[in-house]
Every structure is written in structure tokens, then in C-alpha cells.
Amino acid sequence: MELRSFKEQKEYLKDLVSQYEDLIRNNPRNHLVSNFLNFIKDEKFNTQRKLRNIREKEIECIYFAKTFRGIN
């Protein structure tokens, strides 16, 4: 699945973080989630990092757009 815009990527990653949080928060956990809990936590962290990177890129784009008002 190829995501084209920052908005699409952000929505996908937010949904993914939400799903990870639900799995972590769920009690009692099923056997599969219990076995992979550390992996799920790592993936949640990595997904949040990707989301922060996208937000950082958006801020950079806004800054450059306001500062340079486009390049002719």
C-alpha cells in the first residue's frame, strides 16, 4: 500500500498507534498478544517516531514556504 500525502500517512500511523495501544491496554490479554507484547511496544514506539518525523517535515515545509515564499 503506497501512501501519497503526509495527511494519508499521518492518518494511517495514528490508526496504527491506536491499535497498538488497544492491544497493550487490553486486559486480560490473549496468549498471542502476551507472547508478542514487547514486539508490539517496540512497533508502537517506531510508529510514533515515524509520525513525529512526518510532523517535523511538515513544520519544515511551512517554515520554508513562509520564509522563501516559493523559489522562482
PDB file of N, CA and C in Angstrom:
ATOM      1  N   MET A   1       0.838  -1.180   0.000  1.00  0.00           N
ATOM      2  CA  MET A   1       0.000   0.000   0.000  1.00  0.00           C
ATOM      3  C   MET A   1       0.878   1.235   0.000  1.00  0.00           C
ATOM      4  N   GLU A   2       0.722   2.053  -0.999  1.00  0.00           N
ATOM      5  CA  GLU A   2       1.518   3.263  -1.103  1.00  0.00           C
ATOM      6  C   GLU A   2       0.681   4.465  -0.680  1.00  0.00           C
ATOM      7  N   LEU A   3       1.220   5.199   0.275  1.00  0.00           N
ATOM      8  CA  LEU A   3       0.543   6.394   0.753  1.00  0.00           C
ATOM      9  C   LEU A   3       1.202   7.596   0.096  1.00  0.00           C
ATOM     10  N   ARG A   4       0.403   8.485  -0.434  1.00  0.00           N
ATOM     11  CA  ARG A   4       0.961   9.551  -1.238  1.00  0.00           C
ATOM     12  C   ARG A   4       1.153  10.860  -0.494  1.00  0.00           C
ATOM     13  N   SER A   5       0.292  11.203   0.399  1.00  0.00           N
ATOM     14  CA  SER A   5       0.400  12.506   1.052  1.00  0.00           C
ATOM     15  C   SER A   5       0.755  12.347   2.526  1.00  0.00           C
ATOM     16  N   PHE A   6       1.273  13.431   3.096  1.00  0.00           N
ATOM     17  CA  PHE A   6       1.549  13.424   4.529  1.00  0.00           C
ATOM     18  C   PHE A   6       0.274  13.145   5.313  1.00  0.00           C
ATOM     19  N   LYS A   7      -0.829  13.698   4.853  1.00  0.00           N
ATOM     20  CA  LYS A   7      -2.106  13.524   5.555  1.00  0.00           C
ATOM     21  C   LYS A   7      -2.499  12.044   5.607  1.00  0.00           C
ATOM     22  N   GLU A   8      -2.392  11.355   4.476  1.00  0.00           N
ATOM     23  CA  GLU A   8      -2.722   9.928   4.435  1.00  0.00           C
ATOM     24  C   GLU A   8      -1.794   9.122   5.336  1.00  0.00           C
ATOM     25  N   GLN A   9      -0.507   9.454   5.293  1.00  0.00           N
ATOM     26  CA  GLN A   9       0.462   8.750   6.126  1.00  0.00           C
ATOM     27  C   GLN A   9       0.179   8.982   7.603  1.00  0.00           C
ATOM     28  N   LYS A  10      -0.116  10.225   7.964  1.00  0.00           N
ATOM     29  CA  LYS A  10      -0.407  10.540   9.366  1.00  0.00           C
ATOM     30  C   LYS A  10      -1.638   9.788   9.857  1.00  0.00           C
ATOM     31  N   GLU A  11      -2.684   9.764   9.066  1.00  0.00           N
ATOM     32  CA  GLU A  11      -3.903   9.053   9.469  1.00  0.00           C
ATOM     33  C   GLU A  11      -3.637   7.563   9.660  1.00  0.00           C
ATOM     34  N   TYR A  12      -2.903   6.982   8.728  1.00  0.00           N
ATOM     35  CA  TYR A  12      -2.574   5.555   8.820  1.00  0.00           C
ATOM     36  C   TYR A  12      -1.765   5.272  10.092  1.00  0.00           C
ATOM     37  N   LEU A  13      -0.748   6.088  10.348  1.00  0.00           N
ATOM     38  CA  LEU A  13       0.099   5.874  11.511  1.00  0.00           C
ATOM     39  C   LEU A  13      -0.656   6.121  12.818  1.00  0.00           C
ATOM     40  N   LYS A  14      -1.525   7.114  12.840  1.00  0.00           N
ATOM     41  CA  LYS A  14      -2.342   7.363  14.039  1.00  0.00           C
ATOM     42  C   LYS A  14      -3.238   6.169  14.334  1.00  0.00           C
ATOM     43  N   ASP A  15      -3.852   5.606  13.299  1.00  0.00           N
ATOM     44  CA  ASP A  15      -4.696   4.421  13.473  1.00  0.00           C
ATOM     45  C   ASP A  15      -3.878   3.233  13.990  1.00  0.00           C
ATOM     46  N   LEU A  16      -2.680   3.097  13.456  1.00  0.00           N
ATOM     47  CA  LEU A  16      -1.803   2.008  13.876  1.00  0.00           C
ATOM     48  C   LEU A  16      -1.410   2.157  15.347  1.00  0.00           C
ATOM     49  N   VAL A  17      -1.051   3.360  15.762  1.00  0.00           N
ATOM     50  CA  VAL A  17      -0.712   3.611  17.169  1.00  0.00           C
ATOM     51  C   VAL A  17      -1.910   3.299  18.052  1.00  0.00           C
ATOM     52  N   SER A  18      -3.078   3.694  17.614  1.00  0.00           N
ATOM     53  CA  SER A  18      -4.293   3.437  18.379  1.00  0.00           C
ATOM     54  C   SER A  18      -4.525   1.931  18.547  1.00  0.00           C
ATOM     55  N   GLN A  19      -4.305   1.177  17.490  1.00  0.00           N
ATOM     56  CA  GLN A  19      -4.466  -0.278  17.568  1.00  0.00           C
ATOM     57  C   GLN A  19      -3.448  -0.894  18.518  1.00  0.00           C
ATOM     58  N   TYR A  20      -2.203  -0.423  18.459  1.00  0.00           N
ATOM     59  CA  TYR A  20      -1.177  -0.922  19.382  1.00  0.00           C
ATOM     60  C   TYR A  20      -1.555  -0.600  20.821  1.00  0.00           C
ATOM     61  N   GLU A  21      -2.031   0.617  21.062  1.00  0.00           N
ATOM     62  CA  GLU A  21      -2.431   0.995  22.415  1.00  0.00           C
ATOM     63  C   GLU A  21      -3.574   0.119  22.919  1.00  0.00           C
ATOM     64  N   ASP A  22      -4.519  -0.171  22.050  1.00  0.00           N
ATOM     65  CA  ASP A  22      -5.626  -1.051  22.439  1.00  0.00           C
ATOM     66  C   ASP A  22      -5.128  -2.438  22.825  1.00  0.00           C
ATOM     67  N   LEU A  23      -4.188  -2.960  22.047  1.00  0.00           N
ATOM     68  CA  LEU A  23      -3.638  -4.286  22.352  1.00  0.00           C
ATOM     69  C   LEU A  23      -2.885  -4.273  23.677  1.00  0.00           C
ATOM     70  N   ILE A  24      -2.121  -3.216  23.928  1.00  0.00           N
ATOM     71  CA  ILE A  24      -1.334  -3.122  25.160  1.00  0.00           C
ATOM     72  C   ILE A  24      -2.242  -2.944  26.373  1.00  0.00           C
ATOM     73  N   ARG A  25      -3.277  -2.137  26.210  1.00  0.00           N
ATOM     74  CA  ARG A  25      -4.176  -1.795  27.318  1.00  0.00           C
ATOM     75  C   ARG A  25      -5.156  -2.925  27.639  1.00  0.00           C
ATOM     76  N   ASN A  26      -5.438  -3.773  26.683  1.00  0.00           N
ATOM     77  CA  ASN A  26      -6.446  -4.831  26.830  1.00  0.00           C
ATOM     78  C   ASN A  26      -6.091  -5.797  27.960  1.00  0.00           C
ATOM     79  N   ASN A  27      -7.005  -5.989  28.881  1.00  0.00           N
ATOM     80  CA  ASN A  27      -6.843  -6.978  29.944  1.00  0.00           C
ATOM     81  C   ASN A  27      -8.115  -7.766  30.064  1.00  0.00           C
ATOM     82  N   PRO A  28      -8.135  -9.058  30.144  1.00  0.00           N
ATOM     83  CA  PRO A  28      -6.964  -9.915  30.039  1.00  0.00           C
ATOM     84  C   PRO A  28      -6.502 -10.036  28.583  1.00  0.00           C
ATOM     85  N   ARG A  29      -5.227 -10.204  28.417  1.00  0.00           N
ATOM     86  CA  ARG A  29      -4.650 -10.341  27.077  1.00  0.00           C
ATOM     87  C   ARG A  29      -4.781 -11.783  26.605  1.00  0.00           C
ATOM     88  N   ASN A  30      -4.936 -11.914  25.300  1.00  0.00           N
ATOM     89  CA  ASN A  30      -4.918 -13.284  24.786  1.00  0.00           C
ATOM     90  C   ASN A  30      -3.468 -13.772  24.735  1.00  0.00           C
ATOM     91  N   HIS A  31      -3.299 -15.026  24.512  1.00  0.00           N
ATOM     92  CA  HIS A  31      -1.974 -15.661  24.566  1.00  0.00           C
ATOM     93  C   HIS A  31      -1.023 -15.067  23.526  1.00  0.00           C
ATOM     94  N   LEU A  32      -1.522 -14.818  22.353  1.00  0.00           N
ATOM     95  CA  LEU A  32      -0.684 -14.291  21.270  1.00  0.00           C
ATOM     96  C   LEU A  32      -0.155 -12.904  21.615  1.00  0.00           C
ATOM     97  N   VAL A  33      -1.023 -12.030  22.111  1.00  0.00           N
ATOM     98  CA  VAL A  33      -0.607 -10.676  22.482  1.00  0.00           C
ATOM     99  C   VAL A  33       0.395 -10.734  23.627  1.00  0.00           C
ATOM    100  N   SER A  34       0.177 -11.598  24.580  1.00  0.00           N
ATOM    101  CA  SER A  34       1.111 -11.731  25.712  1.00  0.00           C
ATOM    102  C   SER A  34       2.503 -12.131  25.235  1.00  0.00           C
ATOM    103  N   ASN A  35       2.561 -13.050  24.290  1.00  0.00           N
ATOM    104  CA  ASN A  35       3.856 -13.503  23.771  1.00  0.00           C
ATOM    105  C   ASN A  35       4.587 -12.423  22.985  1.00  0.00           C
ATOM    106  N   PHE A  36       3.839 -11.553  22.331  1.00  0.00           N
ATOM    107  CA  PHE A  36       4.449 -10.537  21.474  1.00  0.00           C
ATOM    108  C   PHE A  36       4.326  -9.128  22.045  1.00  0.00           C
ATOM    109  N   LEU A  37       4.111  -9.009  23.329  1.00  0.00           N
ATOM    110  CA  LEU A  37       3.885  -7.704  23.939  1.00  0.00           C
ATOM    111  C   LEU A  37       5.078  -6.765  23.756  1.00  0.00           C
ATOM    112  N   ASN A  38       6.281  -7.258  23.962  1.00  0.00           N
ATOM    113  CA  ASN A  38       7.468  -6.404  23.771  1.00  0.00           C
ATOM    114  C   ASN A  38       7.602  -5.960  22.319  1.00  0.00           C
ATOM    115  N   PHE A  39       7.313  -6.859  21.408  1.00  0.00           N
ATOM    116  CA  PHE A  39       7.349  -6.513  19.987  1.00  0.00           C
ATOM    117  C   PHE A  39       6.313  -5.440  19.666  1.00  0.00           C
ATOM    118  N   ILE A  40       5.122  -5.571  20.206  1.00  0.00           N
ATOM    119  CA  ILE A  40       4.051  -4.598  19.978  1.00  0.00           C
ATOM    120  C   ILE A  40       4.455  -3.231  20.527  1.00  0.00           C
ATOM    121  N   LYS A  41       5.052  -3.221  21.700  1.00  0.00           N
ATOM    122  CA  LYS A  41       5.513  -1.957  22.280  1.00  0.00           C
ATOM    123  C   LYS A  41       6.604  -1.317  21.424  1.00  0.00           C
ATOM    124  N   ASP A  42       7.521  -2.121  20.910  1.00  0.00           N
ATOM    125  CA  ASP A  42       8.571  -1.597  20.024  1.00  0.00           C
ATOM    126  C   ASP A  42       7.978  -1.022  18.744  1.00  0.00           C
ATOM    127  N   GLU A  43       7.023  -1.736  18.174  1.00  0.00           N
ATOM    128  CA  GLU A  43       6.390  -1.263  16.948  1.00  0.00           C
ATOM    129  C   GLU A  43       5.605   0.027  17.189  1.00  0.00           C
ATOM    130  N   LYS A  44       4.972   0.124  18.335  1.00  0.00           N
ATOM    131  CA  LYS A  44       4.264   1.358  18.693  1.00  0.00           C
ATOM    132  C   LYS A  44       5.253   2.513  18.769  1.00  0.00           C
ATOM    133  N   PHE A  45       6.383   2.300  19.430  1.00  0.00           N
ATOM    134  CA  PHE A  45       7.407   3.331  19.532  1.00  0.00           C
ATOM    135  C   PHE A  45       7.912   3.733  18.149  1.00  0.00           C
ATOM    136  N   ASN A  46       8.205   2.760  17.288  1.00  0.00           N
ATOM    137  CA  ASN A  46       8.693   3.055  15.942  1.00  0.00           C
ATOM    138  C   ASN A  46       7.655   3.809  15.116  1.00  0.00           C
ATOM    139  N   THR A  47       6.397   3.459  15.276  1.00  0.00           N
ATOM    140  CA  THR A  47       5.325   4.137  14.553  1.00  0.00           C
ATOM    141  C   THR A  47       5.192   5.573  15.036  1.00  0.00           C
ATOM    142  N   GLN A  48       5.298   5.783  16.345  1.00  0.00           N
ATOM    143  CA  GLN A  48       5.244   7.146  16.875  1.00  0.00           C
ATOM    144  C   GLN A  48       6.425   7.971  16.369  1.00  0.00           C
ATOM    145  N   ARG A  49       7.598   7.356  16.234  1.00  0.00           N
ATOM    146  CA  ARG A  49       8.773   8.043  15.697  1.00  0.00           C
ATOM    147  C   ARG A  49       8.533   8.472  14.243  1.00  0.00           C
ATOM    148  N   LYS A  50       7.953   7.579  13.455  1.00  0.00           N
ATOM    149  CA  LYS A  50       7.640   7.921  12.064  1.00  0.00           C
ATOM    150  C   LYS A  50       6.648   9.080  12.006  1.00  0.00           C
ATOM    151  N   LEU A  51       5.679   9.066  12.887  1.00  0.00           N
ATOM    152  CA  LEU A  51       4.684  10.132  12.940  1.00  0.00           C
ATOM    153  C   LEU A  51       5.342  11.459  13.319  1.00  0.00           C
ATOM    154  N   ARG A  52       6.255  11.446  14.285  1.00  0.00           N
ATOM    155  CA  ARG A  52       6.985  12.664  14.655  1.00  0.00           C
ATOM    156  C   ARG A  52       7.827  13.171  13.491  1.00  0.00           C
ATOM    157  N   ASN A  53       8.437  12.269  12.743  1.00  0.00           N
ATOM    158  CA  ASN A  53       9.244  12.669  11.583  1.00  0.00           C
ATOM    159  C   ASN A  53       8.387  13.362  10.529  1.00  0.00           C
ATOM    160  N   ILE A  54       7.187  12.863  10.303  1.00  0.00           N
ATOM    161  CA  ILE A  54       6.287  13.488   9.335  1.00  0.00           C
ATOM    162  C   ILE A  54       5.889  14.879   9.817  1.00  0.00           C
ATOM    163  N   ARG A  55       5.572  15.005  11.095  1.00  0.00           N
ATOM    164  CA  ARG A  55       5.211  16.313  11.646  1.00  0.00           C
ATOM    165  C   ARG A  55       6.372  17.295  11.514  1.00  0.00           C
ATOM    166  N   GLU A  56       7.581  16.804  11.752  1.00  0.00           N
ATOM    167  CA  GLU A  56       8.766  17.648  11.618  1.00  0.00           C
ATOM    168  C   GLU A  56       8.931  18.127  10.168  1.00  0.00           C
ATOM    169  N   LYS A  57       8.719  17.234   9.219  1.00  0.00           N
ATOM    170  CA  LYS A  57       8.814  17.610   7.802  1.00  0.00           C
ATOM    171  C   LYS A  57       7.761  18.642   7.434  1.00  0.00           C
ATOM    172  N   GLU A  58       6.563  18.474   7.975  1.00  0.00           N
ATOM    173  CA  GLU A  58       5.503  19.448   7.709  1.00  0.00           C
ATOM    174  C   GLU A  58       5.883  20.826   8.244  1.00  0.00           C
ATOM    175  N   ILE A  59       6.435  20.864   9.443  1.00  0.00           N
ATOM    176  CA  ILE A  59       6.849  22.135  10.032  1.00  0.00           C
ATOM    177  C   ILE A  59       7.949  22.769   9.198  1.00  0.00           C
ATOM    178  N   GLU A  60       8.891  21.972   8.738  1.00  0.00           N
ATOM    179  CA  GLU A  60       9.957  22.492   7.869  1.00  0.00           C
ATOM    180  C   GLU A  60       9.381  23.064   6.580  1.00  0.00           C
ATOM    181  N   CYS A  61       8.418  22.376   5.996  1.00  0.00           N
ATOM    182  CA  CYS A  61       7.787  22.856   4.762  1.00  0.00           C
ATOM    183  C   CYS A  61       7.085  24.195   4.991  1.00  0.00           C
ATOM    184  N   ILE A  62       6.383  24.297   6.089  1.00  0.00           N
ATOM    185  CA  ILE A  62       5.679  25.548   6.408  1.00  0.00           C
ATOM    186  C   ILE A  62       6.691  26.668   6.613  1.00  0.00           C
ATOM    187  N   TYR A  63       7.774  26.377   7.340  1.00  0.00           N
ATOM    188  CA  TYR A  63       8.799  27.388   7.588  1.00  0.00           C
ATOM    189  C   TYR A  63       9.403  27.870   6.276  1.00  0.00           C
ATOM    190  N   PHE A  64       9.813  26.940   5.412  1.00  0.00           N
ATOM    191  CA  PHE A  64      10.434  27.335   4.152  1.00  0.00           C
ATOM    192  C   PHE A  64       9.453  28.066   3.239  1.00  0.00           C
ATOM    193  N   ALA A  65       8.216  27.650   3.254  1.00  0.00           N
ATOM    194  CA  ALA A  65       7.212  28.318   2.422  1.00  0.00           C
ATOM    195  C   ALA A  65       7.008  29.761   2.891  1.00  0.00           C
ATOM    196  N   LYS A  66       6.966  29.970   4.204  1.00  0.00           N
ATOM    197  CA  LYS A  66       6.784  31.323   4.727  1.00  0.00           C
ATOM    198  C   LYS A  66       8.042  32.159   4.565  1.00  0.00           C
ATOM    199  N   THR A  67       9.201  31.553   4.723  1.00  0.00           N
ATOM    200  CA  THR A  67      10.461  32.284   4.672  1.00  0.00           C
ATOM    201  C   THR A  67      10.838  32.658   3.253  1.00  0.00           C
ATOM    202  N   PHE A  68      10.743  31.724   2.343  1.00  0.00           N
ATOM    203  CA  PHE A  68      11.230  31.955   0.985  1.00  0.00           C
ATOM    204  C   PHE A  68      10.115  32.259  -0.007  1.00  0.00           C
ATOM    205  N   ARG A  69       8.865  32.066   0.385  1.00  0.00           N
ATOM    206  CA  ARG A  69       7.698  32.336  -0.452  1.00  0.00           C
ATOM    207  C   ARG A  69       7.831  31.769  -1.859  1.00  0.00           C
ATOM    208  N   GLY A  70       8.351  30.583  -1.920  1.00  0.00           N
ATOM    209  CA  GLY A  70       8.498  29.907  -3.207  1.00  0.00           C
ATOM    210  C   GLY A  70       9.794  30.311  -3.880  1.00  0.00           C
ATOM    211  N   ILE A  71      10.309  29.458  -4.707  1.00  0.00           N
ATOM    212  CA  ILE A  71      11.557  29.734  -5.435  1.00  0.00           C
ATOM    213  C   ILE A  71      11.209  29.954  -6.891  1.00  0.00           C
ATOM    214  N   ASN A  72      11.659  31.067  -7.413  1.00  0.00           N
ATOM    215  CA  ASN A  72      11.383  31.406  -8.831  1.00  0.00           C
ATOM    216  C   ASN A  72      12.498  30.955  -9.715  1.00  0.00           C
TER     217      ASN A  72
END
